[in-house]
Amino acid sequence: FRQVPGKEREFVAGIGWRESTLYSSDDL
């Protein structure tokens, strides 16, 4: 996750126990 001052913490990317992945956007 990432966070900038004054904003909510946002999801960036995750990897599952079977190594599937999820990203917050196509850009990332």
PDB file of all heavy atoms in Angstrom:
ATOM      1  N   PHE A   1       0.859  -1.168   0.000  1.00  0.00           N
ATOM      2  CA  PHE A   1       0.000   0.000   0.000  1.00  0.00           C
ATOM      3  C   PHE A   1       0.903   1.227   0.000  1.00  0.00           C
ATOM      4  O   PHE A   1       2.103   1.132   0.278  1.00  0.00           O
ATOM      5  CB  PHE A   1      -0.887   0.024   1.248  1.00  0.00           C
ATOM      6  CG  PHE A   1      -1.975  -1.016   1.269  1.00  0.00           C
ATOM      7  CD1 PHE A   1      -1.681  -2.346   1.535  1.00  0.00           C
ATOM      8  CD2 PHE A   1      -3.288  -0.683   1.009  1.00  0.00           C
ATOM      9  CE1 PHE A   1      -2.667  -3.317   1.554  1.00  0.00           C
ATOM     10  CE2 PHE A   1      -4.294  -1.644   1.023  1.00  0.00           C
ATOM     11  CZ  PHE A   1      -3.980  -2.960   1.299  1.00  0.00           C
ATOM     12  N   ARG A   2       0.309   2.385  -0.290  1.00  0.00           N
ATOM     13  CA  ARG A   2       1.072   3.618  -0.171  1.00  0.00           C
ATOM     14  C   ARG A   2       0.162   4.729   0.342  1.00  0.00           C
ATOM     15  O   ARG A   2      -1.066   4.658   0.206  1.00  0.00           O
ATOM     16  CB  ARG A   2       1.712   4.005  -1.511  1.00  0.00           C
ATOM     17  CG  ARG A   2       0.727   4.370  -2.620  1.00  0.00           C
ATOM     18  CD  ARG A   2       1.484   4.569  -3.939  1.00  0.00           C
ATOM     19  NE  ARG A   2       0.581   4.958  -5.019  1.00  0.00           N
ATOM     20  CZ  ARG A   2       0.956   5.106  -6.288  1.00  0.00           C
ATOM     21  NH1 ARG A   2       2.224   4.893  -6.641  1.00  0.00           N
ATOM     22  NH2 ARG A   2       0.081   5.474  -7.205  1.00  0.00           N
ATOM     23  N   GLN A   3       0.791   5.725   0.910  1.00  0.00           N
ATOM     24  CA  GLN A   3       0.028   6.824   1.501  1.00  0.00           C
ATOM     25  C   GLN A   3       0.799   8.122   1.389  1.00  0.00           C
ATOM     26  O   GLN A   3       2.016   8.155   1.632  1.00  0.00           O
ATOM     27  CB  GLN A   3      -0.284   6.523   2.970  1.00  0.00           C
ATOM     28  CG  GLN A   3      -1.257   7.489   3.616  1.00  0.00           C
ATOM     29  CD  GLN A   3      -1.695   7.027   4.985  1.00  0.00           C
ATOM     30  OE1 GLN A   3      -1.017   6.264   5.656  1.00  0.00           O
ATOM     31  NE2 GLN A   3      -2.874   7.483   5.412  1.00  0.00           N
ATOM     32  N   VAL A   4       0.076   9.171   1.014  1.00  0.00           N
ATOM     33  CA  VAL A   4       0.630  10.520   1.025  1.00  0.00           C
ATOM     34  C   VAL A   4      -0.091  11.308   2.095  1.00  0.00           C
ATOM     35  O   VAL A   4      -1.240  11.001   2.435  1.00  0.00           O
ATOM     36  CB  VAL A   4       0.504  11.207  -0.346  1.00  0.00           C
ATOM     37  CG1 VAL A   4       1.304  10.432  -1.388  1.00  0.00           C
ATOM     38  CG2 VAL A   4      -0.946  11.330  -0.780  1.00  0.00           C
ATOM     39  N   PRO A   5       0.545  12.343   2.643  1.00  0.00           N
ATOM     40  CA  PRO A   5      -0.095  13.117   3.715  1.00  0.00           C
ATOM     41  C   PRO A   5      -1.450  13.659   3.294  1.00  0.00           C
ATOM     42  O   PRO A   5      -1.605  14.189   2.185  1.00  0.00           O
ATOM     43  CB  PRO A   5       0.912  14.251   3.961  1.00  0.00           C
ATOM     44  CG  PRO A   5       2.214  13.673   3.564  1.00  0.00           C
ATOM     45  CD  PRO A   5       1.921  12.789   2.386  1.00  0.00           C
ATOM     46  N   GLY A   6      -2.417  13.490   4.175  1.00  0.00           N
ATOM     47  CA  GLY A   6      -3.743  14.025   3.911  1.00  0.00           C
ATOM     48  C   GLY A   6      -4.638  13.135   3.081  1.00  0.00           C
ATOM     49  O   GLY A   6      -5.791  13.493   2.813  1.00  0.00           O
ATOM     50  N   LYS A   7      -4.124  11.981   2.664  1.00  0.00           N
ATOM     51  CA  LYS A   7      -4.931  11.064   1.846  1.00  0.00           C
ATOM     52  C   LYS A   7      -5.016   9.699   2.514  1.00  0.00           C
ATOM     53  O   LYS A   7      -4.199   9.339   3.369  1.00  0.00           O
ATOM     54  CB  LYS A   7      -4.331  10.933   0.450  1.00  0.00           C
ATOM     55  CG  LYS A   7      -4.432  12.200  -0.394  1.00  0.00           C
ATOM     56  CD  LYS A   7      -4.110  11.914  -1.844  1.00  0.00           C
ATOM     57  CE  LYS A   7      -4.331  13.126  -2.716  1.00  0.00           C
ATOM     58  NZ  LYS A   7      -4.055  12.852  -4.152  1.00  0.00           N
ATOM     59  N   GLU A   8      -6.013   8.931   2.072  1.00  0.00           N
ATOM     60  CA  GLU A   8      -6.188   7.580   2.573  1.00  0.00           C
ATOM     61  C   GLU A   8      -5.064   6.679   2.051  1.00  0.00           C
ATOM     62  O   GLU A   8      -4.520   6.899   0.975  1.00  0.00           O
ATOM     63  CB  GLU A   8      -7.526   7.013   2.098  1.00  0.00           C
ATOM     64  CG  GLU A   8      -8.757   7.742   2.632  1.00  0.00           C
ATOM     65  CD  GLU A   8      -8.987   7.460   4.101  1.00  0.00           C
ATOM     66  OE1 GLU A   8      -8.755   6.306   4.509  1.00  0.00           O
ATOM     67  OE2 GLU A   8      -9.376   8.386   4.826  1.00  0.00           O
ATOM     68  N   ARG A   9      -4.778   5.655   2.845  1.00  0.00           N
ATOM     69  CA  ARG A   9      -3.820   4.658   2.376  1.00  0.00           C
ATOM     70  C   ARG A   9      -4.441   3.907   1.211  1.00  0.00           C
ATOM     71  O   ARG A   9      -5.595   3.477   1.288  1.00  0.00           O
ATOM     72  CB  ARG A   9      -3.486   3.703   3.524  1.00  0.00           C
ATOM     73  CG  ARG A   9      -2.335   2.767   3.259  1.00  0.00           C
ATOM     74  CD  ARG A   9      -1.903   2.066   4.528  1.00  0.00           C
ATOM     75  NE  ARG A   9      -1.416   3.010   5.531  1.00  0.00           N
ATOM     76  CZ  ARG A   9      -0.832   2.635   6.679  1.00  0.00           C
ATOM     77  NH1 ARG A   9      -0.677   1.348   6.944  1.00  0.00           N
ATOM     78  NH2 ARG A   9      -0.425   3.534   7.543  1.00  0.00           N
ATOM     79  N   GLU A  10      -3.686   3.741   0.123  1.00  0.00           N
ATOM     80  CA  GLU A  10      -4.239   3.105  -1.059  1.00  0.00           C
ATOM     81  C   GLU A  10      -3.478   1.835  -1.424  1.00  0.00           C
ATOM     82  O   GLU A  10      -2.260   1.752  -1.247  1.00  0.00           O
ATOM     83  CB  GLU A  10      -4.237   4.064  -2.263  1.00  0.00           C
ATOM     84  CG  GLU A  10      -2.875   4.439  -2.782  1.00  0.00           C
ATOM     85  CD  GLU A  10      -2.943   5.174  -4.122  1.00  0.00           C
ATOM     86  OE1 GLU A  10      -4.037   5.281  -4.712  1.00  0.00           O
ATOM     87  OE2 GLU A  10      -1.874   5.617  -4.592  1.00  0.00           O
ATOM     88  N   PHE A  11      -4.229   0.902  -1.923  1.00  0.00           N
ATOM     89  CA  PHE A  11      -3.671  -0.373  -2.370  1.00  0.00           C
ATOM     90  C   PHE A  11      -2.825  -0.161  -3.619  1.00  0.00           C
ATOM     91  O   PHE A  11      -3.229   0.578  -4.528  1.00  0.00           O
ATOM     92  CB  PHE A  11      -4.816  -1.339  -2.667  1.00  0.00           C
ATOM     93  CG  PHE A  11      -4.417  -2.660  -3.237  1.00  0.00           C
ATOM     94  CD1 PHE A  11      -3.970  -3.684  -2.413  1.00  0.00           C
ATOM     95  CD2 PHE A  11      -4.509  -2.895  -4.600  1.00  0.00           C
ATOM     96  CE1 PHE A  11      -3.614  -4.919  -2.937  1.00  0.00           C
ATOM     97  CE2 PHE A  11      -4.164  -4.135  -5.139  1.00  0.00           C
ATOM     98  CZ  PHE A  11      -3.715  -5.144  -4.302  1.00  0.00           C
ATOM     99  N   VAL A  12      -1.678  -0.800  -3.672  1.00  0.00           N
ATOM    100  CA  VAL A  12      -0.801  -0.730  -4.844  1.00  0.00           C
ATOM    101  C   VAL A  12      -0.810  -2.068  -5.584  1.00  0.00           C
ATOM    102  O   VAL A  12      -1.127  -2.130  -6.768  1.00  0.00           O
ATOM    103  CB  VAL A  12       0.631  -0.373  -4.431  1.00  0.00           C
ATOM    104  CG1 VAL A  12       1.577  -0.452  -5.643  1.00  0.00           C
ATOM    105  CG2 VAL A  12       0.689   1.005  -3.797  1.00  0.00           C
ATOM    106  N   ALA A  13      -0.459  -3.120  -4.877  1.00  0.00           N
ATOM    107  CA  ALA A  13      -0.390  -4.452  -5.495  1.00  0.00           C
ATOM    108  C   ALA A  13      -0.397  -5.511  -4.408  1.00  0.00           C
ATOM    109  O   ALA A  13       0.041  -5.260  -3.290  1.00  0.00           O
ATOM    110  CB  ALA A  13       0.864  -4.590  -6.349  1.00  0.00           C
ATOM    111  N   GLY A  14      -0.889  -6.697  -4.765  1.00  0.00           N
ATOM    112  CA  GLY A  14      -0.901  -7.813  -3.826  1.00  0.00           C
ATOM    113  C   GLY A  14      -0.570  -9.107  -4.537  1.00  0.00           C
ATOM    114  O   GLY A  14      -0.768  -9.230  -5.750  1.00  0.00           O
ATOM    115  N   ILE A  15      -0.054 -10.065  -3.772  1.00  0.00           N
ATOM    116  CA  ILE A  15       0.269 -11.374  -4.321  1.00  0.00           C
ATOM    117  C   ILE A  15      -0.284 -12.435  -3.398  1.00  0.00           C
ATOM    118  O   ILE A  15      -0.040 -12.417  -2.184  1.00  0.00           O
ATOM    119  CB  ILE A  15       1.797 -11.514  -4.548  1.00  0.00           C
ATOM    120  CG1 ILE A  15       2.128 -12.851  -5.213  1.00  0.00           C
ATOM    121  CG2 ILE A  15       2.588 -11.322  -3.259  1.00  0.00           C
ATOM    122  CD1 ILE A  15       3.533 -12.900  -5.797  1.00  0.00           C
ATOM    123  N   GLY A  16      -1.051 -13.337  -3.967  1.00  0.00           N
ATOM    124  CA  GLY A  16      -1.719 -14.352  -3.185  1.00  0.00           C
ATOM    125  C   GLY A  16      -0.811 -15.504  -2.811  1.00  0.00           C
ATOM    126  O   GLY A  16       0.332 -15.600  -3.258  1.00  0.00           O
ATOM    127  N   TRP A  17      -1.352 -16.400  -1.996  1.00  0.00           N
ATOM    128  CA  TRP A  17      -0.548 -17.522  -1.538  1.00  0.00           C
ATOM    129  C   TRP A  17      -0.201 -18.473  -2.673  1.00  0.00           C
ATOM    130  O   TRP A  17       0.819 -19.159  -2.607  1.00  0.00           O
ATOM    131  CB  TRP A  17      -1.249 -18.252  -0.391  1.00  0.00           C
ATOM    132  CG  TRP A  17      -2.492 -18.987  -0.783  1.00  0.00           C
ATOM    133  CD1 TRP A  17      -3.694 -18.465  -1.148  1.00  0.00           C
ATOM    134  CD2 TRP A  17      -2.650 -20.414  -0.824  1.00  0.00           C
ATOM    135  NE1 TRP A  17      -4.587 -19.455  -1.424  1.00  0.00           N
ATOM    136  CE2 TRP A  17      -3.980 -20.669  -1.228  1.00  0.00           C
ATOM    137  CE3 TRP A  17      -1.812 -21.490  -0.567  1.00  0.00           C
ATOM    138  CZ2 TRP A  17      -4.487 -21.960  -1.376  1.00  0.00           C
ATOM    139  CZ3 TRP A  17      -2.308 -22.780  -0.708  1.00  0.00           C
ATOM    140  CH2 TRP A  17      -3.627 -23.003  -1.114  1.00  0.00           C
ATOM    141  N   ARG A  18      -1.014 -18.465  -3.729  1.00  0.00           N
ATOM    142  CA  ARG A  18      -0.690 -19.233  -4.936  1.00  0.00           C
ATOM    143  C   ARG A  18      -0.020 -18.365  -5.986  1.00  0.00           C
ATOM    144  O   ARG A  18       0.087 -18.742  -7.142  1.00  0.00           O
ATOM    145  CB  ARG A  18      -1.950 -19.869  -5.503  1.00  0.00           C
ATOM    146  CG  ARG A  18      -2.505 -20.999  -4.642  1.00  0.00           C
ATOM    147  CD  ARG A  18      -3.745 -21.593  -5.251  1.00  0.00           C
ATOM    148  NE  ARG A  18      -4.215 -22.768  -4.498  1.00  0.00           N
ATOM    149  CZ  ARG A  18      -5.348 -23.396  -4.722  1.00  0.00           C
ATOM    150  NH1 ARG A  18      -6.144 -22.992  -5.704  1.00  0.00           N
ATOM    151  NH2 ARG A  18      -5.686 -24.434  -3.995  1.00  0.00           N
ATOM    152  N   GLU A  19       0.360 -17.161  -5.569  1.00  0.00           N
ATOM    153  CA  GLU A  19       1.134 -16.217  -6.387  1.00  0.00           C
ATOM    154  C   GLU A  19       0.331 -15.588  -7.513  1.00  0.00           C
ATOM    155  O   GLU A  19       0.909 -15.088  -8.474  1.00  0.00           O
ATOM    156  CB  GLU A  19       2.447 -16.836  -6.866  1.00  0.00           C
ATOM    157  CG  GLU A  19       3.250 -17.423  -5.703  1.00  0.00           C
ATOM    158  CD  GLU A  19       4.729 -17.493  -5.938  1.00  0.00           C
ATOM    159  OE1 GLU A  19       5.225 -16.932  -6.923  1.00  0.00           O
ATOM    160  OE2 GLU A  19       5.406 -18.134  -5.100  1.00  0.00           O
ATOM    161  N   SER A  20      -1.004 -15.580  -7.372  1.00  0.00           N
ATOM    162  CA  SER A  20      -1.782 -14.708  -8.246  1.00  0.00           C
ATOM    163  C   SER A  20      -1.501 -13.279  -7.824  1.00  0.00           C
ATOM    164  O   SER A  20      -1.146 -13.011  -6.672  1.00  0.00           O
ATOM    165  CB  SER A  20      -3.267 -15.016  -8.102  1.00  0.00           C
ATOM    166  OG  SER A  20      -3.681 -14.804  -6.757  1.00  0.00           O
ATOM    167  N   THR A  21      -1.660 -12.346  -8.751  1.00  0.00           N
ATOM    168  CA  THR A  21      -1.356 -10.954  -8.448  1.00  0.00           C
ATOM    169  C   THR A  21      -2.531 -10.051  -8.789  1.00  0.00           C
ATOM    170  O   THR A  21      -3.372 -10.373  -9.621  1.00  0.00           O
ATOM    171  CB  THR A  21      -0.111 -10.463  -9.206  1.00  0.00           C
ATOM    172  OG1 THR A  21      -0.330 -10.611 -10.612  1.00  0.00           O
ATOM    173  CG2 THR A  21       1.126 -11.242  -8.788  1.00  0.00           C
ATOM    174  N   LEU A  22      -2.562  -8.914  -8.104  1.00  0.00           N
ATOM    175  CA  LEU A  22      -3.577  -7.900  -8.348  1.00  0.00           C
ATOM    176  C   LEU A  22      -2.897  -6.552  -8.245  1.00  0.00           C
ATOM    177  O   LEU A  22      -2.128  -6.313  -7.305  1.00  0.00           O
ATOM    178  CB  LEU A  22      -4.706  -8.005  -7.321  1.00  0.00           C
ATOM    179  CG  LEU A  22      -5.796  -6.940  -7.414  1.00  0.00           C
ATOM    180  CD1 LEU A  22      -6.611  -7.122  -8.705  1.00  0.00           C
ATOM    181  CD2 LEU A  22      -6.714  -6.988  -6.192  1.00  0.00           C
ATOM    182  N   TYR A  23      -3.181  -5.673  -9.197  1.00  0.00           N
ATOM    183  CA  TYR A  23      -2.652  -4.308  -9.185  1.00  0.00           C
ATOM    184  C   TYR A  23      -3.818  -3.332  -9.157  1.00  0.00           C
ATOM    185  O   TYR A  23      -4.903  -3.623  -9.651  1.00  0.00           O
ATOM    186  CB  TYR A  23      -1.772  -4.056 -10.415  1.00  0.00           C
ATOM    187  CG  TYR A  23      -0.529  -4.913 -10.431  1.00  0.00           C
ATOM    188  CD1 TYR A  23      -0.536  -6.201 -10.976  1.00  0.00           C
ATOM    189  CD2 TYR A  23       0.669  -4.450  -9.891  1.00  0.00           C
ATOM    190  CE1 TYR A  23       0.589  -7.001 -10.968  1.00  0.00           C
ATOM    191  CE2 TYR A  23       1.808  -5.238  -9.889  1.00  0.00           C
ATOM    192  CZ  TYR A  23       1.765  -6.508 -10.424  1.00  0.00           C
ATOM    193  OH  TYR A  23       2.887  -7.293 -10.409  1.00  0.00           O
ATOM    194  N   SER A  24      -3.555  -2.163  -8.614  1.00  0.00           N
ATOM    195  CA  SER A  24      -4.648  -1.211  -8.437  1.00  0.00           C
ATOM    196  C   SER A  24      -5.084  -0.580  -9.749  1.00  0.00           C
ATOM    197  O   SER A  24      -6.212  -0.096  -9.858  1.00  0.00           O
ATOM    198  CB  SER A  24      -4.228  -0.117  -7.454  1.00  0.00           C
ATOM    199  OG  SER A  24      -3.131   0.609  -7.989  1.00  0.00           O
ATOM    200  N   SER A  25      -4.207  -0.564 -10.744  1.00  0.00           N
ATOM    201  CA  SER A  25      -4.546   0.055 -12.016  1.00  0.00           C
ATOM    202  C   SER A  25      -3.701  -0.545 -13.127  1.00  0.00           C
ATOM    203  O   SER A  25      -2.657  -1.156 -12.866  1.00  0.00           O
ATOM    204  CB  SER A  25      -4.308   1.565 -11.949  1.00  0.00           C
ATOM    205  OG  SER A  25      -2.921   1.855 -11.854  1.00  0.00           O
ATOM    206  N   ASP A  26      -4.143  -0.332 -14.360  1.00  0.00           N
ATOM    207  CA  ASP A  26      -3.350  -0.804 -15.500  1.00  0.00           C
ATOM    208  C   ASP A  26      -2.016  -0.069 -15.573  1.00  0.00           C
ATOM    209  O   ASP A  26      -1.000  -0.631 -15.997  1.00  0.00           O
ATOM    210  CB  ASP A  26      -4.125  -0.593 -16.796  1.00  0.00           C
ATOM    211  CG  ASP A  26      -5.289  -1.568 -16.933  1.00  0.00           C
ATOM    212  OD1 ASP A  26      -5.270  -2.614 -16.243  1.00  0.00           O
ATOM    213  OD2 ASP A  26      -6.197  -1.270 -17.725  1.00  0.00           O
ATOM    214  N   ASP A  27      -2.051   1.205 -15.144  1.00  0.00           N
ATOM    215  CA  ASP A  27      -0.809   1.982 -15.167  1.00  0.00           C
ATOM    216  C   ASP A  27       0.231   1.353 -14.255  1.00  0.00           C
ATOM    217  O   ASP A  27       1.383   1.138 -14.652  1.00  0.00           O
ATOM    218  CB  ASP A  27      -1.076   3.424 -14.734  1.00  0.00           C
ATOM    219  CG  ASP A  27       0.214   4.211 -14.544  1.00  0.00           C
ATOM    220  OD1 ASP A  27       0.999   4.302 -15.511  1.00  0.00           O
ATOM    221  OD2 ASP A  27       0.461   4.731 -13.435  1.00  0.00           O
ATOM    222  N   LEU A  28      -0.168   1.027 -13.024  1.00  0.00           N
ATOM    223  CA  LEU A  28       0.791   0.414 -12.104  1.00  0.00           C
ATOM    224  C   LEU A  28       1.171  -0.993 -12.557  1.00  0.00           C
ATOM    225  O   LEU A  28       2.318  -1.409 -12.407  1.00  0.00           O
ATOM    226  CB  LEU A  28       0.234   0.387 -10.684  1.00  0.00           C
ATOM    227  CG  LEU A  28       0.103   1.749  -9.989  1.00  0.00           C
ATOM    228  CD1 LEU A  28      -0.306   1.574  -8.539  1.00  0.00           C
ATOM    229  CD2 LEU A  28       1.385   2.523 -10.088  1.00  0.00           C
TER     230      LEU A  28
END
